[in-house]
Amino acid sequence: MGEFSPSHWLIVGIVVVLLFGSKRLPDAARALGRSMRILKSETQGLRDDTAPAADTAPDAAPDRAPVPDAIQRAEPDTARDKRDLAARLREEAARIESAAPSAKST
């Protein structure tokens, strides 16, 4: 009862074509592919977030502040993500500049 033979799959295929039409099937397949890619990237992102940060640079210059993990791992996918990342980088740069002693002291 649990096995499908080729004739069963043929009947299922014919029913799908009759229900959705041959013009809508490529669009549905594309949408399904996009959804699967998004799901895969999100699950990979979750795995990366839970993995321990083993790639810290021990030879980094001591006068530099460490880059926050959220900024280091960021991979912008959309224009909005790029704008958000740029804003976070500007804020981080301003924080580092305000914490550093001024080079011009008169």
N, C-alpha and C. Protein backbone atom coordinates (compact mmCIF):
# COMPACT_ATOMS: atom_id res chain seq x y z
N MET A 1 0.82 -1.19 0.00
CA MET A 1 0.00 0.00 0.00
C MET A 1 0.87 1.26 0.00
N GLY A 2 2.10 1.19 0.53
CA GLY A 2 2.94 2.37 0.64
C GLY A 2 3.78 2.64 -0.59
N GLU A 3 3.81 1.77 -1.56
CA GLU A 3 4.66 1.96 -2.73
C GLU A 3 3.87 2.53 -3.89
N PHE A 4 4.54 3.41 -4.64
CA PHE A 4 3.94 3.97 -5.84
C PHE A 4 4.63 3.36 -7.05
N SER A 5 3.85 2.88 -7.96
CA SER A 5 4.40 2.35 -9.20
C SER A 5 4.46 3.48 -10.23
N PRO A 6 5.14 3.28 -11.35
CA PRO A 6 5.19 4.33 -12.37
C PRO A 6 3.81 4.76 -12.87
N SER A 7 2.89 3.85 -12.91
CA SER A 7 1.55 4.23 -13.35
C SER A 7 0.87 5.17 -12.36
N HIS A 8 1.13 4.97 -11.06
CA HIS A 8 0.59 5.89 -10.05
C HIS A 8 1.16 7.29 -10.25
N TRP A 9 2.47 7.39 -10.47
CA TRP A 9 3.11 8.68 -10.67
C TRP A 9 2.58 9.36 -11.94
N LEU A 10 2.31 8.59 -12.96
CA LEU A 10 1.75 9.13 -14.20
C LEU A 10 0.38 9.74 -13.94
N ILE A 11 -0.44 9.05 -13.19
CA ILE A 11 -1.78 9.57 -12.86
C ILE A 11 -1.67 10.84 -12.02
N VAL A 12 -0.77 10.85 -11.05
CA VAL A 12 -0.57 12.06 -10.23
C VAL A 12 -0.12 13.22 -11.11
N GLY A 13 0.80 12.97 -12.04
CA GLY A 13 1.27 14.02 -12.95
C GLY A 13 0.17 14.57 -13.81
N ILE A 14 -0.68 13.70 -14.34
CA ILE A 14 -1.80 14.15 -15.17
C ILE A 14 -2.78 14.99 -14.36
N VAL A 15 -3.05 14.59 -13.14
CA VAL A 15 -3.97 15.35 -12.28
C VAL A 15 -3.39 16.73 -11.98
N VAL A 16 -2.09 16.81 -11.71
CA VAL A 16 -1.46 18.09 -11.43
C VAL A 16 -1.55 19.01 -12.64
N VAL A 17 -1.26 18.49 -13.83
CA VAL A 17 -1.34 19.30 -15.05
C VAL A 17 -2.77 19.77 -15.29
N LEU A 18 -3.74 18.91 -15.04
CA LEU A 18 -5.14 19.31 -15.24
C LEU A 18 -5.57 20.36 -14.23
N LEU A 19 -5.11 20.24 -12.99
CA LEU A 19 -5.50 21.20 -11.96
C LEU A 19 -4.86 22.57 -12.17
N PHE A 20 -3.58 22.59 -12.43
CA PHE A 20 -2.85 23.86 -12.48
C PHE A 20 -2.64 24.40 -13.89
N GLY A 21 -2.71 23.58 -14.87
CA GLY A 21 -2.48 24.03 -16.24
C GLY A 21 -1.00 24.02 -16.56
N SER A 22 -0.68 23.81 -17.80
CA SER A 22 0.73 23.69 -18.20
C SER A 22 1.46 25.02 -18.17
N LYS A 23 0.75 26.15 -18.24
CA LYS A 23 1.40 27.46 -18.21
C LYS A 23 1.83 27.86 -16.81
N ARG A 24 1.13 27.41 -15.79
CA ARG A 24 1.45 27.80 -14.41
C ARG A 24 2.50 26.90 -13.77
N LEU A 25 2.72 25.73 -14.30
CA LEU A 25 3.66 24.80 -13.67
C LEU A 25 5.10 25.31 -13.62
N PRO A 26 5.66 25.90 -14.70
CA PRO A 26 7.03 26.42 -14.60
C PRO A 26 7.17 27.51 -13.54
N ASP A 27 6.17 28.39 -13.43
CA ASP A 27 6.22 29.44 -12.41
C ASP A 27 6.17 28.84 -11.01
N ALA A 28 5.34 27.83 -10.83
CA ALA A 28 5.25 27.17 -9.52
C ALA A 28 6.56 26.47 -9.18
N ALA A 29 7.19 25.85 -10.17
CA ALA A 29 8.47 25.18 -9.93
C ALA A 29 9.55 26.20 -9.57
N ARG A 30 9.56 27.35 -10.26
CA ARG A 30 10.53 28.41 -9.94
C ARG A 30 10.32 28.93 -8.52
N ALA A 31 9.08 29.16 -8.15
CA ALA A 31 8.77 29.65 -6.81
C ALA A 31 9.19 28.63 -5.76
N LEU A 32 8.96 27.36 -6.04
CA LEU A 32 9.37 26.31 -5.11
C LEU A 32 10.88 26.28 -4.97
N GLY A 33 11.60 26.43 -6.08
CA GLY A 33 13.06 26.46 -6.04
C GLY A 33 13.59 27.63 -5.23
N ARG A 34 12.99 28.81 -5.42
CA ARG A 34 13.40 29.98 -4.63
C ARG A 34 13.16 29.75 -3.14
N SER A 35 12.02 29.20 -2.83
CA SER A 35 11.69 28.93 -1.42
C SER A 35 12.68 27.95 -0.81
N MET A 36 13.05 26.94 -1.57
CA MET A 36 14.01 25.96 -1.05
C MET A 36 15.39 26.60 -0.83
N ARG A 37 15.82 27.49 -1.76
CA ARG A 37 17.11 28.17 -1.58
C ARG A 37 17.08 29.06 -0.35
N ILE A 38 15.97 29.78 -0.14
CA ILE A 38 15.85 30.65 1.03
C ILE A 38 15.89 29.81 2.31
N LEU A 39 15.16 28.72 2.31
CA LEU A 39 15.14 27.84 3.48
C LEU A 39 16.54 27.29 3.76
N LYS A 40 17.24 26.89 2.72
CA LYS A 40 18.59 26.34 2.89
C LYS A 40 19.53 27.40 3.45
N SER A 41 19.48 28.62 2.93
CA SER A 41 20.38 29.67 3.41
C SER A 41 20.05 30.06 4.86
N GLU A 42 18.77 30.08 5.20
CA GLU A 42 18.40 30.41 6.58
C GLU A 42 18.84 29.33 7.56
N THR A 43 18.68 28.07 7.20
CA THR A 43 19.13 27.01 8.10
C THR A 43 20.64 27.01 8.22
N GLN A 44 21.36 27.33 7.13
CA GLN A 44 22.82 27.43 7.19
C GLN A 44 23.21 28.60 8.10
N GLY A 45 22.47 29.69 8.01
CA GLY A 45 22.73 30.83 8.89
C GLY A 45 22.51 30.48 10.35
N LEU A 46 21.49 29.69 10.64
CA LEU A 46 21.26 29.26 12.02
C LEU A 46 22.40 28.38 12.50
N ARG A 47 22.88 27.49 11.63
CA ARG A 47 24.01 26.64 12.02
C ARG A 47 25.26 27.47 12.28
N ASP A 48 25.49 28.49 11.45
CA ASP A 48 26.66 29.36 11.62
C ASP A 48 26.55 30.16 12.92
N ASP A 49 25.33 30.58 13.27
CA ASP A 49 25.14 31.36 14.49
C ASP A 49 25.41 30.52 15.73
N THR A 50 25.07 29.25 15.69
CA THR A 50 25.25 28.40 16.87
C THR A 50 26.65 27.80 16.95
N ALA A 51 27.42 27.82 15.86
CA ALA A 51 28.77 27.27 15.87
C ALA A 51 29.69 28.20 16.67
N PRO A 52 30.65 27.64 17.42
CA PRO A 52 31.56 28.48 18.19
C PRO A 52 32.49 29.26 17.27
N ALA A 53 32.83 30.45 17.68
CA ALA A 53 33.70 31.30 16.87
C ALA A 53 35.14 30.87 17.09
N ALA A 54 35.67 30.01 16.22
CA ALA A 54 37.02 29.48 16.36
C ALA A 54 38.02 30.25 15.53
N ASP A 55 37.54 31.16 14.67
CA ASP A 55 38.45 31.86 13.77
C ASP A 55 38.77 33.27 14.27
N THR A 56 39.10 33.40 15.55
CA THR A 56 39.52 34.69 16.06
C THR A 56 40.98 34.90 15.70
N ALA A 57 41.33 36.11 15.38
CA ALA A 57 42.69 36.41 14.94
C ALA A 57 43.56 36.79 16.14
N PRO A 58 44.48 35.91 16.56
CA PRO A 58 45.32 36.24 17.71
C PRO A 58 46.37 37.29 17.38
N ASP A 59 46.72 37.46 16.10
CA ASP A 59 47.76 38.41 15.72
C ASP A 59 47.18 39.76 15.33
N ALA A 60 45.98 40.06 15.75
CA ALA A 60 45.37 41.34 15.44
C ALA A 60 46.09 42.44 16.22
N ALA A 61 46.08 43.63 15.65
CA ALA A 61 46.75 44.76 16.30
C ALA A 61 46.06 45.06 17.62
N PRO A 62 46.82 45.26 18.70
CA PRO A 62 46.21 45.48 20.01
C PRO A 62 45.48 46.81 20.13
N ASP A 63 45.81 47.81 19.28
CA ASP A 63 45.15 49.10 19.39
C ASP A 63 43.81 49.13 18.67
N ARG A 64 43.45 48.05 17.98
CA ARG A 64 42.17 47.99 17.28
C ARG A 64 41.14 47.25 18.13
N ALA A 65 39.92 47.76 18.08
CA ALA A 65 38.83 47.09 18.77
C ALA A 65 38.39 45.90 17.92
N PRO A 66 38.01 44.79 18.55
CA PRO A 66 37.56 43.64 17.76
C PRO A 66 36.26 43.97 17.03
N VAL A 67 36.12 43.43 15.85
CA VAL A 67 34.92 43.64 15.05
C VAL A 67 33.81 42.76 15.63
N PRO A 68 32.64 43.33 15.90
CA PRO A 68 31.55 42.52 16.44
C PRO A 68 31.21 41.37 15.50
N ASP A 69 30.83 40.24 16.11
CA ASP A 69 30.52 39.04 15.33
C ASP A 69 29.41 39.28 14.33
N ALA A 70 28.40 40.05 14.70
CA ALA A 70 27.27 40.29 13.81
C ALA A 70 27.72 40.99 12.54
N ILE A 71 28.67 41.90 12.65
CA ILE A 71 29.17 42.61 11.48
C ILE A 71 30.11 41.72 10.69
N GLN A 72 30.92 40.93 11.39
CA GLN A 72 31.88 40.06 10.73
C GLN A 72 31.19 39.00 9.88
N ARG A 73 30.10 38.43 10.36
CA ARG A 73 29.40 37.35 9.67
C ARG A 73 28.41 37.86 8.63
N ALA A 74 28.14 39.15 8.60
CA ALA A 74 27.07 39.68 7.76
C ALA A 74 27.36 39.43 6.29
N GLU A 75 26.37 38.92 5.60
CA GLU A 75 26.42 38.72 4.17
C GLU A 75 25.15 39.33 3.59
N PRO A 76 25.19 40.60 3.20
CA PRO A 76 23.97 41.26 2.75
C PRO A 76 23.42 40.63 1.48
N ASP A 77 22.13 40.34 1.49
CA ASP A 77 21.47 39.73 0.35
C ASP A 77 20.64 40.73 -0.43
N THR A 78 20.15 41.74 0.25
CA THR A 78 19.28 42.70 -0.42
C THR A 78 19.81 44.11 -0.19
N ALA A 79 19.22 45.04 -0.90
CA ALA A 79 19.64 46.44 -0.77
C ALA A 79 19.39 46.94 0.65
N ARG A 80 18.27 46.53 1.25
CA ARG A 80 17.98 46.96 2.62
C ARG A 80 19.00 46.40 3.59
N ASP A 81 19.39 45.15 3.41
CA ASP A 81 20.41 44.56 4.27
C ASP A 81 21.73 45.30 4.13
N LYS A 82 22.06 45.71 2.90
CA LYS A 82 23.30 46.46 2.68
C LYS A 82 23.25 47.81 3.38
N ARG A 83 22.09 48.48 3.32
CA ARG A 83 21.97 49.77 4.00
C ARG A 83 22.08 49.60 5.51
N ASP A 84 21.45 48.55 6.06
CA ASP A 84 21.53 48.30 7.49
C ASP A 84 22.97 48.01 7.91
N LEU A 85 23.68 47.22 7.11
CA LEU A 85 25.06 46.89 7.42
C LEU A 85 25.92 48.14 7.36
N ALA A 86 25.71 49.00 6.36
CA ALA A 86 26.47 50.23 6.26
C ALA A 86 26.22 51.13 7.46
N ALA A 87 24.98 51.21 7.91
CA ALA A 87 24.66 52.03 9.09
C ALA A 87 25.34 51.48 10.33
N ARG A 88 25.32 50.15 10.50
CA ARG A 88 26.00 49.55 11.67
C ARG A 88 27.50 49.79 11.62
N LEU A 89 28.09 49.71 10.42
CA LEU A 89 29.53 49.95 10.29
C LEU A 89 29.87 51.41 10.61
N ARG A 90 29.02 52.35 10.15
CA ARG A 90 29.26 53.77 10.48
C ARG A 90 29.18 54.00 11.98
N GLU A 91 28.18 53.39 12.63
CA GLU A 91 28.05 53.54 14.09
C GLU A 91 29.25 52.96 14.81
N GLU A 92 29.73 51.81 14.37
CA GLU A 92 30.88 51.18 14.99
C GLU A 92 32.13 52.02 14.78
N ALA A 93 32.30 52.59 13.57
CA ALA A 93 33.45 53.45 13.30
C ALA A 93 33.41 54.71 14.17
N ALA A 94 32.22 55.29 14.33
CA ALA A 94 32.09 56.48 15.17
C ALA A 94 32.41 56.14 16.63
N ARG A 95 31.98 54.96 17.09
CA ARG A 95 32.27 54.56 18.46
C ARG A 95 33.77 54.36 18.67
N ILE A 96 34.43 53.76 17.69
CA ILE A 96 35.88 53.53 17.80
C ILE A 96 36.63 54.85 17.76
N GLU A 97 36.21 55.76 16.87
CA GLU A 97 36.87 57.06 16.78
C GLU A 97 36.70 57.87 18.06
N SER A 98 35.53 57.79 18.68
CA SER A 98 35.31 58.56 19.90
C SER A 98 36.08 57.95 21.06
N ALA A 99 36.34 56.65 21.03
CA ALA A 99 37.09 56.00 22.10
C ALA A 99 38.59 56.19 21.96
N ALA A 100 39.08 56.41 20.74
CA ALA A 100 40.52 56.57 20.49
C ALA A 100 40.96 57.97 20.91
N PRO A 101 42.17 58.07 21.48
CA PRO A 101 42.66 59.41 21.85
C PRO A 101 42.90 60.24 20.60
N SER A 102 42.66 61.52 20.72
CA SER A 102 42.80 62.44 19.59
C SER A 102 44.27 62.60 19.21
N ALA A 103 44.57 62.58 17.90
CA ALA A 103 45.94 62.72 17.43
C ALA A 103 46.38 64.19 17.50
N LYS A 104 45.41 65.10 17.43
CA LYS A 104 45.72 66.54 17.52
C LYS A 104 45.42 67.02 18.93
N SER A 105 46.42 67.14 19.72
CA SER A 105 46.19 67.71 21.05
C SER A 105 47.03 68.97 21.17
N THR A 106 46.34 70.13 21.17
CA THR A 106 47.04 71.41 21.23
C THR A 106 46.69 72.15 22.48
